[in-house]
């Protein structure tokens, strides 16, 4: 059985784990800041100077 220190330093699982942690951090920051920086579809349409017709989006 390999020493646990060798397993921890192994890039086989270290790289994917680090990548998942990084992406999880980015998504967490996005969710926290979502209300301040992200717009709804109606806000995007209004910013373009058009009218937002929600009923036209119904399939």
PDB file of N, CA and C in Angstrom:
ATOM      1  N   UNK A   1       0.849  -1.184   0.000  1.00  0.00           N
ATOM      2  CA  UNK A   1       0.000   0.000   0.000  1.00  0.00           C
ATOM      3  C   UNK A   1       0.887   1.236   0.000  1.00  0.00           C
ATOM      4  N   UNK A   2       0.521   2.208  -0.801  1.00  0.00           N
ATOM      5  CA  UNK A   2       1.308   3.433  -0.930  1.00  0.00           C
ATOM      6  C   UNK A   2       1.141   4.295   0.319  1.00  0.00           C
ATOM      7  N   UNK A   3       2.157   5.052   0.572  1.00  0.00           N
ATOM      8  CA  UNK A   3       2.135   5.987   1.685  1.00  0.00           C
ATOM      9  C   UNK A   3       1.102   7.080   1.383  1.00  0.00           C
ATOM     10  N   UNK A   4       0.360   7.559   2.377  1.00  0.00           N
ATOM     11  CA  UNK A   4      -0.693   8.548   2.158  1.00  0.00           C
ATOM     12  C   UNK A   4      -0.134   9.851   1.620  1.00  0.00           C
ATOM     13  N   UNK A   5       1.106  10.193   1.968  1.00  0.00           N
ATOM     14  CA  UNK A   5       1.716  11.424   1.446  1.00  0.00           C
ATOM     15  C   UNK A   5       1.955  11.319  -0.059  1.00  0.00           C
ATOM     16  N   UNK A   6       2.289  10.121  -0.530  1.00  0.00           N
ATOM     17  CA  UNK A   6       2.471   9.919  -1.962  1.00  0.00           C
ATOM     18  C   UNK A   6       1.138  10.016  -2.692  1.00  0.00           C
ATOM     19  N   UNK A   7       0.094   9.514  -2.064  1.00  0.00           N
ATOM     20  CA  UNK A   7      -1.232   9.561  -2.666  1.00  0.00           C
ATOM     21  C   UNK A   7      -1.720  11.009  -2.756  1.00  0.00           C
ATOM     22  N   UNK A   8      -1.514  11.783  -1.695  1.00  0.00           N
ATOM     23  CA  UNK A   8      -1.961  13.171  -1.666  1.00  0.00           C
ATOM     24  C   UNK A   8      -1.243  13.995  -2.732  1.00  0.00           C
ATOM     25  N   UNK A   9       0.026  13.720  -2.972  1.00  0.00           N
ATOM     26  CA  UNK A   9       0.800  14.477  -3.956  1.00  0.00           C
ATOM     27  C   UNK A   9       0.588  13.989  -5.385  1.00  0.00           C
ATOM     28  N   UNK A  10      -0.161  12.931  -5.572  1.00  0.00           N
ATOM     29  CA  UNK A  10      -0.368  12.353  -6.892  1.00  0.00           C
ATOM     30  C   UNK A  10      -1.216  13.276  -7.771  1.00  0.00           C
ATOM     31  N   UNK A  11      -0.728  13.633  -8.964  1.00  0.00           N
ATOM     32  CA  UNK A  11      -1.509  14.502  -9.852  1.00  0.00           C
ATOM     33  C   UNK A  11      -2.736  13.807 -10.450  1.00  0.00           C
ATOM     34  N   UNK A  12      -2.822  12.492 -10.281  1.00  0.00           N
ATOM     35  CA  UNK A  12      -3.957  11.746 -10.833  1.00  0.00           C
ATOM     36  C   UNK A  12      -5.277  12.245 -10.262  1.00  0.00           C
ATOM     37  N   UNK A  13      -5.329  12.530  -8.997  1.00  0.00           N
ATOM     38  CA  UNK A  13      -6.557  13.039  -8.397  1.00  0.00           C
ATOM     39  C   UNK A  13      -6.410  14.485  -7.947  1.00  0.00           C
ATOM     40  N   UNK A  14      -5.174  14.955  -7.774  1.00  0.00           N
ATOM     41  CA  UNK A  14      -4.958  16.317  -7.280  1.00  0.00           C
ATOM     42  C   UNK A  14      -5.433  17.363  -8.293  1.00  0.00           C
ATOM     43  N   UNK A  15      -5.094  17.194  -9.563  1.00  0.00           N
ATOM     44  CA  UNK A  15      -5.501  18.172 -10.578  1.00  0.00           C
ATOM     45  C   UNK A  15      -7.015  18.248 -10.739  1.00  0.00           C
ATOM     46  N   UNK A  16      -7.722  17.132 -10.911  1.00  0.00           N
ATOM     47  CA  UNK A  16      -9.194  17.233 -11.033  1.00  0.00           C
ATOM     48  C   UNK A  16      -9.851  17.800  -9.773  1.00  0.00           C
ATOM     49  N   UNK A  17      -9.326  17.453  -8.614  1.00  0.00           N
ATOM     50  CA  UNK A  17      -9.886  17.971  -7.364  1.00  0.00           C
ATOM     51  C   UNK A  17      -9.674  19.474  -7.261  1.00  0.00           C
ATOM     52  N   UNK A  18      -8.475  19.935  -7.598  1.00  0.00           N
ATOM     53  CA  UNK A  18      -8.190  21.372  -7.564  1.00  0.00           C
ATOM     54  C   UNK A  18      -9.068  22.117  -8.563  1.00  0.00           C
ATOM     55  N   UNK A  19      -9.273  21.533  -9.737  1.00  0.00           N
ATOM     56  CA  UNK A  19     -10.120  22.158 -10.742  1.00  0.00           C
ATOM     57  C   UNK A  19     -11.568  22.255 -10.258  1.00  0.00           C
ATOM     58  N   UNK A  20     -12.078  21.191  -9.657  1.00  0.00           N
ATOM     59  CA  UNK A  20     -13.445  21.221  -9.128  1.00  0.00           C
ATOM     60  C   UNK A  20     -13.599  22.238  -8.000  1.00  0.00           C
ATOM     61  N   UNK A  21     -12.598  22.328  -7.141  1.00  0.00           N
ATOM     62  CA  UNK A  21     -12.657  23.316  -6.068  1.00  0.00           C
ATOM     63  C   UNK A  21     -12.647  24.736  -6.620  1.00  0.00           C
ATOM     64  N   UNK A  22     -11.816  24.965  -7.624  1.00  0.00           N
ATOM     65  CA  UNK A  22     -11.745  26.290  -8.242  1.00  0.00           C
ATOM     66  C   UNK A  22     -13.071  26.655  -8.907  1.00  0.00           C
ATOM     67  N   UNK A  23     -13.647  25.732  -9.675  1.00  0.00           N
ATOM     68  CA  UNK A  23     -14.919  25.997 -10.330  1.00  0.00           C
ATOM     69  C   UNK A  23     -16.048  26.169  -9.309  1.00  0.00           C
ATOM     70  N   UNK A  24     -15.990  25.395  -8.236  1.00  0.00           N
ATOM     71  CA  UNK A  24     -16.975  25.557  -7.169  1.00  0.00           C
ATOM     72  C   UNK A  24     -16.881  26.914  -6.507  1.00  0.00           C
ATOM     73  N   UNK A  25     -15.666  27.400  -6.322  1.00  0.00           N
ATOM     74  CA  UNK A  25     -15.454  28.727  -5.739  1.00  0.00           C
ATOM     75  C   UNK A  25     -16.026  29.811  -6.653  1.00  0.00           C
ATOM     76  N   UNK A  26     -15.754  29.693  -7.953  1.00  0.00           N
ATOM     77  CA  UNK A  26     -16.262  30.673  -8.915  1.00  0.00           C
ATOM     78  C   UNK A  26     -17.791  30.677  -8.920  1.00  0.00           C
ATOM     79  N   UNK A  27     -18.394  29.493  -8.900  1.00  0.00           N
ATOM     80  CA  UNK A  27     -19.857  29.408  -8.905  1.00  0.00           C
ATOM     81  C   UNK A  27     -20.445  29.981  -7.613  1.00  0.00           C
ATOM     82  N   UNK A  28     -19.794  29.752  -6.493  1.00  0.00           N
ATOM     83  CA  UNK A  28     -20.256  30.301  -5.219  1.00  0.00           C
ATOM     84  C   UNK A  28     -20.222  31.821  -5.243  1.00  0.00           C
ATOM     85  N   UNK A  29     -19.139  32.386  -5.743  1.00  0.00           N
ATOM     86  CA  UNK A  29     -19.040  33.850  -5.845  1.00  0.00           C
ATOM     87  C   UNK A  29     -20.121  34.370  -6.798  1.00  0.00           C
ATOM     88  N   UNK A  30     -20.358  33.667  -7.893  1.00  0.00           N
ATOM     89  CA  UNK A  30     -21.392  34.086  -8.833  1.00  0.00           C
ATOM     90  C   UNK A  30     -22.766  34.108  -8.181  1.00  0.00           C
ATOM     91  N   UNK A  31     -23.084  33.068  -7.428  1.00  0.00           N
ATOM     92  CA  UNK A  31     -24.398  33.001  -6.775  1.00  0.00           C
ATOM     93  C   UNK A  31     -24.539  34.118  -5.741  1.00  0.00           C
ATOM     94  N   UNK A  32     -23.474  34.387  -5.004  1.00  0.00           N
ATOM     95  CA  UNK A  32     -23.525  35.436  -3.978  1.00  0.00           C
ATOM     96  C   UNK A  32     -23.714  36.808  -4.624  1.00  0.00           C
ATOM     97  N   UNK A  33     -23.019  37.076  -5.716  1.00  0.00           N
ATOM     98  CA  UNK A  33     -23.065  38.384  -6.371  1.00  0.00           C
ATOM     99  C   UNK A  33     -24.137  38.482  -7.461  1.00  0.00           C
ATOM    100  N   UNK A  34     -24.925  37.447  -7.659  1.00  0.00           N
ATOM    101  CA  UNK A  34     -25.863  37.386  -8.777  1.00  0.00           C
ATOM    102  C   UNK A  34     -26.828  38.566  -8.813  1.00  0.00           C
ATOM    103  N   UNK A  35     -27.405  38.889  -7.714  1.00  0.00           N
ATOM    104  CA  UNK A  35     -28.385  39.968  -7.683  1.00  0.00           C
ATOM    105  C   UNK A  35     -27.810  41.316  -8.054  1.00  0.00           C
ATOM    106  N   UNK A  36     -26.554  41.528  -7.788  1.00  0.00           N
ATOM    107  CA  UNK A  36     -25.933  42.829  -8.043  1.00  0.00           C
ATOM    108  C   UNK A  36     -25.471  42.966  -9.489  1.00  0.00           C
ATOM    109  N   UNK A  37     -24.949  41.895 -10.072  1.00  0.00           N
ATOM    110  CA  UNK A  37     -24.298  42.008 -11.370  1.00  0.00           C
ATOM    111  C   UNK A  37     -25.038  41.365 -12.533  1.00  0.00           C
ATOM    112  N   UNK A  38     -25.953  40.471 -12.296  1.00  0.00           N
ATOM    113  CA  UNK A  38     -26.635  39.767 -13.377  1.00  0.00           C
ATOM    114  C   UNK A  38     -28.008  40.374 -13.625  1.00  0.00           C
ATOM    115  N   UNK A  39     -28.393  40.424 -14.884  1.00  0.00           N
ATOM    116  CA  UNK A  39     -29.665  41.014 -15.269  1.00  0.00           C
ATOM    117  C   UNK A  39     -30.631  39.916 -15.709  1.00  0.00           C
ATOM    118  N   UNK A  40     -31.905  40.226 -15.562  1.00  0.00           N
ATOM    119  CA  UNK A  40     -32.918  39.324 -16.087  1.00  0.00           C
ATOM    120  C   UNK A  40     -33.074  39.590 -17.583  1.00  0.00           C
ATOM    121  N   UNK A  41     -33.799  38.705 -18.267  1.00  0.00           N
ATOM    122  CA  UNK A  41     -34.005  38.884 -19.698  1.00  0.00           C
ATOM    123  C   UNK A  41     -34.750  40.186 -19.985  1.00  0.00           C
ATOM    124  N   UNK A  42     -35.712  40.515 -19.140  1.00  0.00           N
ATOM    125  CA  UNK A  42     -36.470  41.747 -19.361  1.00  0.00           C
ATOM    126  C   UNK A  42     -35.582  42.985 -19.202  1.00  0.00           C
ATOM    127  N   UNK A  43     -34.617  42.935 -18.289  1.00  0.00           N
ATOM    128  CA  UNK A  43     -33.692  44.064 -18.129  1.00  0.00           C
ATOM    129  C   UNK A  43     -32.793  44.219 -19.349  1.00  0.00           C
ATOM    130  N   UNK A  44     -32.345  43.094 -19.938  1.00  0.00           N
ATOM    131  CA  UNK A  44     -31.522  43.158 -21.153  1.00  0.00           C
ATOM    132  C   UNK A  44     -32.331  43.767 -22.296  1.00  0.00           C
ATOM    133  N   UNK A  45     -33.576  43.329 -22.448  1.00  0.00           N
ATOM    134  CA  UNK A  45     -34.419  43.822 -23.538  1.00  0.00           C
ATOM    135  C   UNK A  45     -34.695  45.311 -23.344  1.00  0.00           C
ATOM    136  N   UNK A  46     -35.016  45.717 -22.122  1.00  0.00           N
ATOM    137  CA  UNK A  46     -35.297  47.126 -21.835  1.00  0.00           C
ATOM    138  C   UNK A  46     -34.067  47.988 -22.123  1.00  0.00           C
ATOM    139  N   UNK A  47     -32.877  47.480 -21.795  1.00  0.00           N
ATOM    140  CA  UNK A  47     -31.640  48.227 -22.026  1.00  0.00           C
ATOM    141  C   UNK A  47     -31.406  48.457 -23.522  1.00  0.00           C
ATOM    142  N   UNK A  48     -31.889  47.523 -24.361  1.00  0.00           N
ATOM    143  CA  UNK A  48     -31.745  47.655 -25.808  1.00  0.00           C
ATOM    144  C   UNK A  48     -32.787  48.616 -26.403  1.00  0.00           C
ATOM    145  N   UNK A  49     -33.702  49.081 -25.564  1.00  0.00           N
ATOM    146  CA  UNK A  49     -34.711  50.030 -26.024  1.00  0.00           C
ATOM    147  C   UNK A  49     -35.940  49.371 -26.620  1.00  0.00           C
ATOM    148  N   UNK A  50     -36.098  48.090 -26.365  1.00  0.00           N
ATOM    149  CA  UNK A  50     -37.265  47.378 -26.890  1.00  0.00           C
ATOM    150  C   UNK A  50     -38.232  47.089 -25.757  1.00  0.00           C
ATOM    151  N   UNK A  51     -39.432  46.668 -26.139  1.00  0.00           N
ATOM    152  CA  UNK A  51     -40.427  46.275 -25.131  1.00  0.00           C
ATOM    153  C   UNK A  51     -40.302  44.792 -24.878  1.00  0.00           C
ATOM    154  N   UNK A  52     -40.435  44.415 -23.610  1.00  0.00           N
ATOM    155  CA  UNK A  52     -40.362  43.001 -23.213  1.00  0.00           C
ATOM    156  C   UNK A  52     -41.771  42.450 -23.153  1.00  0.00           C
ATOM    157  N   UNK A  53     -42.073  41.508 -24.030  1.00  0.00           N
ATOM    158  CA  UNK A  53     -43.388  40.886 -24.062  1.00  0.00           C
ATOM    159  C   UNK A  53     -43.260  39.447 -23.588  1.00  0.00           C
ATOM    160  N   UNK A  54     -43.558  39.219 -22.335  1.00  0.00           N
ATOM    161  CA  UNK A  54     -43.396  37.884 -21.748  1.00  0.00           C
ATOM    162  C   UNK A  54     -44.316  36.857 -22.412  1.00  0.00           C
ATOM    163  N   UNK A  55     -45.476  37.278 -22.870  1.00  0.00           N
ATOM    164  CA  UNK A  55     -46.420  36.352 -23.479  1.00  0.00           C
ATOM    165  C   UNK A  55     -45.894  35.801 -24.798  1.00  0.00           C
ATOM    166  N   UNK A  56     -45.031  36.541 -25.479  1.00  0.00           N
ATOM    167  CA  UNK A  56     -44.507  36.050 -26.763  1.00  0.00           C
ATOM    168  C   UNK A  56     -43.497  34.932 -26.562  1.00  0.00           C
ATOM    169  N   UNK A  57     -43.020  34.731 -25.344  1.00  0.00           N
ATOM    170  CA  UNK A  57     -42.052  33.675 -25.061  1.00  0.00           C
ATOM    171  C   UNK A  57     -42.724  32.335 -24.797  1.00  0.00           C
ATOM    172  N   UNK A  58     -44.034  32.317 -24.626  1.00  0.00           N
ATOM    173  CA  UNK A  58     -44.752  31.083 -24.345  1.00  0.00           C
ATOM    174  C   UNK A  58     -44.810  30.234 -25.605  1.00  0.00           C
ATOM    175  N   UNK A  59     -44.450  28.958 -25.469  1.00  0.00           N
ATOM    176  CA  UNK A  59     -44.454  28.070 -26.638  1.00  0.00           C
ATOM    177  C   UNK A  59     -45.843  27.596 -26.979  1.00  0.00           C
TER     178      UNK A  59
END
